[in-house]
Amino acid sequence: MNSTSSIFLLLLSCLLVLCVQGEPSTGSRKCKCLNGYIGRVRPELLKSEPRVYQPSSFCPELEIIIVLGTKEKCVNPESRFGQHVLSRQERKRAARSTTASQSNTESSTSL
């Protein structure tokens, strides 16, 4: 085998190894809410703000996680409480973007 063929095979082997390592293993989901959802939620028992995880390459599901006492529980995004959490998050996001655009406008007009 000549040196060009050897280099080509070595490069091809390295690329193959890198591609295989980058592939997620089949059947391996990294979703946090694999054990189902909590039924009812009493808001006064919440210990912190709900965390919302958007669908990603690791987990194709929208997930809402709350802390009740010392345990994390999953909330169904389609439930009444889940919809409330999502709409509240959207309002906060809109308020932040409005505040940011107002401060940018104010700073550019004061120059």
Protein backbone atom coordinates (compact mmCIF):
# COMPACT_ATOMS: atom_id res chain seq x y z
CA MET A 1 0.00 0.00 0.00
CA ASN A 2 1.36 3.40 -0.81
CA SER A 3 1.49 6.25 1.69
CA THR A 4 -1.42 8.15 0.12
CA SER A 5 -3.74 5.19 0.57
CA SER A 6 -2.56 4.69 4.15
CA ILE A 7 -3.18 8.33 5.02
CA PHE A 8 -6.60 8.21 3.38
CA LEU A 9 -7.60 5.08 5.32
CA LEU A 10 -6.35 6.60 8.58
CA LEU A 11 -8.30 9.80 7.98
CA LEU A 12 -11.43 7.85 7.04
CA SER A 13 -11.12 5.73 10.20
CA CYS A 14 -10.78 8.84 12.39
CA LEU A 15 -13.84 10.43 10.80
CA LEU A 16 -15.84 7.24 11.32
CA VAL A 17 -14.91 7.12 15.01
CA LEU A 18 -15.85 10.79 15.48
CA CYS A 19 -19.21 10.32 13.75
CA VAL A 20 -20.09 7.25 15.82
CA GLN A 21 -19.19 9.02 19.07
CA GLY A 22 -21.43 11.97 18.14
CA GLU A 23 -24.49 9.81 17.54
CA PRO A 24 -26.92 9.46 20.45
CA SER A 25 -27.46 5.88 21.50
CA THR A 26 -30.80 4.55 20.37
CA GLY A 27 -33.43 4.22 23.05
CA SER A 28 -31.53 6.47 25.44
CA ARG A 29 -33.76 9.38 26.36
CA LYS A 30 -32.51 12.13 28.58
CA CYS A 31 -35.99 13.33 29.49
CA LYS A 32 -36.49 14.25 33.12
CA CYS A 33 -40.18 13.32 33.27
CA LEU A 34 -40.09 9.60 32.58
CA ASN A 35 -42.29 8.60 35.54
CA GLY A 36 -45.41 10.52 34.58
CA TYR A 37 -47.00 13.68 35.92
CA ILE A 38 -48.26 14.87 39.27
CA GLY A 39 -52.06 15.11 39.48
CA ARG A 40 -53.05 18.29 41.31
CA VAL A 41 -50.77 21.08 42.46
CA ARG A 42 -51.38 23.38 45.39
CA PRO A 43 -49.40 26.53 44.50
CA GLU A 44 -48.72 27.36 48.16
CA LEU A 45 -46.58 24.20 48.43
CA LEU A 46 -44.19 25.27 45.67
CA LYS A 47 -40.66 25.84 46.98
CA SER A 48 -39.32 27.64 43.88
CA GLU A 49 -40.28 28.84 40.43
CA PRO A 50 -41.23 26.06 38.01
CA ARG A 51 -38.50 25.16 35.51
CA VAL A 52 -39.53 24.75 31.89
CA TYR A 53 -37.40 22.68 29.54
CA GLN A 54 -38.13 23.14 25.84
CA PRO A 55 -37.88 20.17 23.45
CA SER A 56 -34.30 19.49 22.39
CA SER A 57 -32.17 16.88 20.69
CA PHE A 58 -31.84 15.13 24.07
CA CYS A 59 -35.56 15.04 24.85
CA PRO A 60 -38.32 15.73 22.31
CA GLU A 61 -40.85 16.61 25.03
CA LEU A 62 -41.75 19.94 26.66
CA GLU A 63 -41.17 19.42 30.39
CA ILE A 64 -42.26 21.45 33.42
CA ILE A 65 -40.63 20.58 36.75
CA ILE A 66 -41.68 21.92 40.14
CA VAL A 67 -40.21 21.42 43.62
CA LEU A 68 -42.64 20.30 46.32
CA GLY A 69 -40.93 19.92 49.66
CA THR A 70 -37.70 18.12 48.88
CA LYS A 71 -38.93 16.33 45.76
CA GLU A 72 -39.05 17.35 42.13
CA LYS A 73 -42.30 16.57 40.34
CA CYS A 74 -43.29 16.84 36.70
CA VAL A 75 -46.36 18.79 35.59
CA ASN A 76 -48.31 17.93 32.45
CA PRO A 77 -47.80 20.89 30.06
CA GLU A 78 -51.35 20.38 28.78
CA SER A 79 -52.96 20.55 32.24
CA ARG A 80 -54.54 23.73 33.60
CA PHE A 81 -51.57 24.39 35.90
CA GLY A 82 -49.09 23.57 33.10
CA GLN A 83 -50.79 26.06 30.80
CA HIS A 84 -50.71 28.66 33.60
CA VAL A 85 -46.94 28.13 34.06
CA LEU A 86 -46.30 28.43 30.32
CA SER A 87 -48.39 31.59 29.91
CA ARG A 88 -46.71 33.16 32.94
CA GLN A 89 -43.29 32.36 31.50
CA GLU A 90 -44.30 33.89 28.16
CA ARG A 91 -45.50 37.09 29.88
CA LYS A 92 -42.17 37.35 31.75
CA ARG A 93 -40.24 36.84 28.52
CA ALA A 94 -42.32 39.51 26.76
CA ALA A 95 -41.82 41.95 29.66
CA ARG A 96 -38.06 41.39 29.59
CA SER A 97 -37.83 41.96 25.85
CA THR A 98 -40.02 45.08 26.11
CA THR A 99 -37.88 46.45 28.95
CA ALA A 100 -34.69 45.68 27.02
CA SER A 101 -35.95 47.38 23.86
CA GLN A 102 -37.13 50.42 25.87
CA SER A 103 -33.72 50.78 27.55
CA ASN A 104 -31.99 50.48 24.16
CA THR A 105 -34.29 53.17 22.75
CA GLU A 106 -33.70 55.45 25.74
CA SER A 107 -29.92 55.05 25.57
CA SER A 108 -29.82 55.74 21.83
CA THR A 109 -31.98 58.87 22.15
CA SER A 110 -29.88 60.26 25.01
CA LEU A 111 -26.71 60.21 22.87
